[in-house]
Amino acid sequence: MPGGQTDPTYRYTPAQQRRLVQNLASIYSDIDSRQYHSHPYTPHLIKAWHGRLFDGVRDHAGRIRSRDFGPEVLVFGPNRSVHRDFVLAQLVAHCSDATSLIAELDARSAKFDIHSISEAVKVSSYVHADLIRIHPFIDGNGLRCTRTGHDAGRWSLARREVGGLLTSKSS
């Protein structure tokens, strides 16, 4: 597409929307049961979550943009994504940065208080914004990145046994 625009057919039918909701509910359930608690935050995990979220909705579910796949850049609002040739390297750096931020957060705040919540929100926001900047998938980045940013904060707070307090089925 001209200027890196995504294909306008990346819209969801009502049946696809229902499937996305079912898939997302399944992922939420697994996160709430702490299935991913010990998994490192890596490009592989991000791809696996995208694959699960878009299973039965998109053929390219879980496939990141690369030299051989997807548009060179994606345009979303006034923004442009990372060039597809650099997506994997940027994801690796993103995961390393996010893991370090979560570890620092864990080390600094061992209790549940307003400060730890505030810091977790900052880390979550950064992880979300950075993943959106990269835009690793040809579609579904907003859904996946919002979920990832939210989870980054919850991972840290869950270690203090308060993750259930921040869990909302409507978030």
Protein backbone atom coordinates (compact mmCIF):
# COMPACT_ATOMS: atom_id res chain seq x y z
CA MET A 1 0.00 0.00 0.00
CA PRO A 2 1.24 3.55 -0.70
CA GLY A 3 3.09 5.23 2.14
CA GLY A 4 3.14 2.06 4.20
CA GLN A 5 -0.59 2.12 4.93
CA THR A 6 -2.09 -1.09 6.11
CA ASP A 7 -4.66 -2.88 4.00
CA PRO A 8 -8.16 -1.49 4.69
CA THR A 9 -9.45 -5.08 4.81
CA TYR A 10 -7.88 -5.45 8.27
CA ARG A 11 -11.29 -5.01 9.80
CA TYR A 12 -13.10 -7.69 11.75
CA THR A 13 -16.42 -9.30 10.90
CA PRO A 14 -18.87 -9.92 13.76
CA ALA A 15 -17.82 -13.60 13.77
CA GLN A 16 -14.14 -12.61 13.96
CA GLN A 17 -14.90 -10.16 16.77
CA ARG A 18 -16.59 -12.95 18.74
CA ARG A 19 -13.59 -15.20 18.15
CA LEU A 20 -11.21 -12.47 19.32
CA VAL A 21 -13.23 -12.07 22.52
CA GLN A 22 -13.14 -15.83 23.12
CA ASN A 23 -9.40 -15.98 22.44
CA LEU A 24 -8.72 -12.99 24.68
CA ALA A 25 -10.81 -14.51 27.49
CA SER A 26 -8.73 -17.68 27.24
CA ILE A 27 -5.48 -15.70 27.45
CA TYR A 28 -6.82 -13.69 30.44
CA SER A 29 -7.72 -16.91 32.18
CA ASP A 30 -4.23 -18.30 31.68
CA ILE A 31 -2.62 -15.09 32.93
CA ASP A 32 -4.93 -14.92 35.93
CA SER A 33 -4.02 -18.50 36.82
CA ARG A 34 -0.36 -17.41 36.58
CA GLN A 35 0.42 -19.80 33.74
CA TYR A 36 2.86 -17.24 32.31
CA HIS A 37 4.29 -16.09 35.63
CA SER A 38 7.61 -17.89 35.17
CA HIS A 39 7.92 -17.32 31.40
CA PRO A 40 10.52 -14.78 30.36
CA TYR A 41 9.27 -11.83 28.35
CA THR A 42 10.73 -12.51 24.90
CA PRO A 43 9.82 -12.00 21.24
CA HIS A 44 8.79 -15.66 21.24
CA LEU A 45 6.22 -15.00 23.98
CA ILE A 46 4.89 -11.90 22.21
CA LYS A 47 4.49 -13.91 18.99
CA ALA A 48 2.79 -16.75 20.89
CA TRP A 49 0.28 -14.36 22.48
CA HIS A 50 -0.48 -12.74 19.12
CA GLY A 51 -0.89 -16.20 17.61
CA ARG A 52 -3.32 -17.21 20.34
CA LEU A 53 -5.26 -13.95 20.14
CA PHE A 54 -5.73 -14.14 16.37
CA ASP A 55 -6.10 -17.91 16.09
CA GLY A 56 -8.99 -18.58 13.73
CA VAL A 57 -9.13 -14.90 12.73
CA ARG A 58 -5.96 -14.23 10.71
CA ASP A 59 -3.75 -16.62 8.76
CA HIS A 60 -0.69 -14.63 9.75
CA ALA A 61 -1.42 -14.80 13.49
CA GLY A 62 1.81 -14.71 15.47
CA ARG A 63 3.98 -13.84 12.50
CA ILE A 64 6.12 -10.74 12.89
CA ARG A 65 7.04 -8.43 10.04
CA SER A 66 10.41 -9.22 8.49
CA ARG A 67 12.39 -8.75 5.30
CA ASP A 68 10.26 -11.51 3.72
CA PHE A 69 6.88 -10.66 5.24
CA GLY A 70 4.68 -7.62 5.61
CA PRO A 71 4.84 -3.98 4.58
CA GLU A 72 8.13 -2.13 5.02
CA VAL A 73 6.46 0.29 7.42
CA LEU A 74 3.00 0.67 8.86
CA VAL A 75 1.24 3.99 9.28
CA PHE A 76 -1.11 4.33 12.23
CA GLY A 77 -2.55 7.75 12.86
CA PRO A 78 0.31 10.27 12.56
CA ASN A 79 2.90 7.57 13.38
CA ARG A 80 5.10 5.21 11.41
CA SER A 81 6.36 1.85 12.59
CA VAL A 82 9.90 0.57 12.70
CA HIS A 83 11.03 -0.68 9.27
CA ARG A 84 10.31 -4.39 8.90
CA ASP A 85 14.03 -5.23 8.54
CA PHE A 86 14.60 -4.02 12.12
CA VAL A 87 11.51 -5.44 13.84
CA LEU A 88 13.17 -8.51 15.36
CA ALA A 89 16.21 -6.58 16.64
CA GLN A 90 13.91 -3.91 18.08
CA LEU A 91 11.74 -6.59 19.75
CA VAL A 92 14.80 -8.18 21.35
CA ALA A 93 15.90 -4.77 22.69
CA HIS A 94 12.33 -4.01 23.81
CA CYS A 95 12.09 -7.28 25.75
CA SER A 96 15.46 -6.70 27.38
CA ASP A 97 14.47 -3.16 28.42
CA ALA A 98 11.05 -4.27 29.68
CA THR A 99 12.56 -7.14 31.67
CA SER A 100 15.08 -4.78 33.26
CA LEU A 101 12.37 -2.26 34.15
CA ILE A 102 10.19 -4.94 35.74
CA ALA A 103 13.18 -6.30 37.70
CA GLU A 104 14.05 -2.78 38.92
CA LEU A 105 10.45 -2.23 39.92
CA ASP A 106 10.42 -5.53 41.81
CA ALA A 107 13.66 -4.67 43.61
CA ARG A 108 12.53 -1.18 44.64
CA SER A 109 9.05 -1.88 45.91
CA ALA A 110 8.49 -5.03 47.89
CA LYS A 111 5.09 -4.01 49.23
CA PHE A 112 1.72 -3.10 47.83
CA ASP A 113 1.16 0.63 48.16
CA ILE A 114 0.24 3.60 46.02
CA HIS A 115 3.87 4.12 45.02
CA SER A 116 4.25 0.56 43.70
CA ILE A 117 0.99 0.90 41.77
CA SER A 118 2.14 4.21 40.29
CA GLU A 119 5.49 2.74 39.27
CA ALA A 120 3.80 -0.33 37.75
CA VAL A 121 1.53 1.94 35.70
CA LYS A 122 4.58 3.83 34.40
CA VAL A 123 6.34 0.60 33.42
CA SER A 124 3.16 -0.75 31.80
CA SER A 125 2.71 2.47 29.83
CA TYR A 126 6.29 2.40 28.61
CA VAL A 127 6.12 -1.27 27.58
CA HIS A 128 2.88 -0.61 25.70
CA ALA A 129 4.12 2.53 23.94
CA ASP A 130 7.42 0.96 22.93
CA LEU A 131 5.73 -2.13 21.49
CA ILE A 132 3.28 0.08 19.57
CA ARG A 133 6.27 2.07 18.23
CA ILE A 134 7.78 -1.14 16.84
CA HIS A 135 4.44 -2.41 15.45
CA PRO A 136 5.74 -5.97 14.99
CA PHE A 137 2.62 -7.44 13.33
CA ILE A 138 0.84 -6.44 10.14
CA ASP A 139 -2.37 -6.02 12.13
CA GLY A 140 -3.61 -6.47 15.66
CA ASN A 141 -0.83 -4.44 17.24
CA GLY A 142 -3.14 -2.29 19.34
CA LEU A 143 -4.93 -5.27 20.86
CA ARG A 144 -1.74 -7.19 21.55
CA CYS A 145 0.28 -4.24 22.82
CA THR A 146 -2.43 -3.03 25.16
CA ARG A 147 -2.64 -6.50 26.66
CA THR A 148 1.17 -6.74 26.94
CA GLY A 149 1.51 -3.36 28.64
CA HIS A 150 -1.21 -4.25 31.10
CA ASP A 151 0.44 -7.59 31.85
CA ALA A 152 3.86 -6.03 32.46
CA GLY A 153 2.53 -4.10 35.44
CA ARG A 154 0.51 -7.03 36.69
CA TRP A 155 3.54 -9.36 36.53
CA SER A 156 5.42 -7.09 38.88
CA LEU A 157 2.54 -6.52 41.28
CA ALA A 158 1.53 -10.19 41.22
CA ARG A 159 4.88 -11.02 42.75
CA ARG A 160 3.66 -9.13 45.81
CA GLU A 161 0.50 -11.30 45.80
CA VAL A 162 -1.77 -8.43 44.77
CA GLY A 163 -2.23 -9.26 41.10
CA GLY A 164 -5.80 -10.43 41.72
CA LEU A 165 -6.72 -7.01 43.11
CA LEU A 166 -5.83 -5.37 39.81
CA THR A 167 -7.48 -7.94 37.62
CA SER A 168 -10.65 -6.84 35.92
CA LYS A 169 -12.46 -8.93 33.35
CA SER A 170 -13.55 -5.69 31.68
CA SER A 171 -10.06 -4.19 31.33
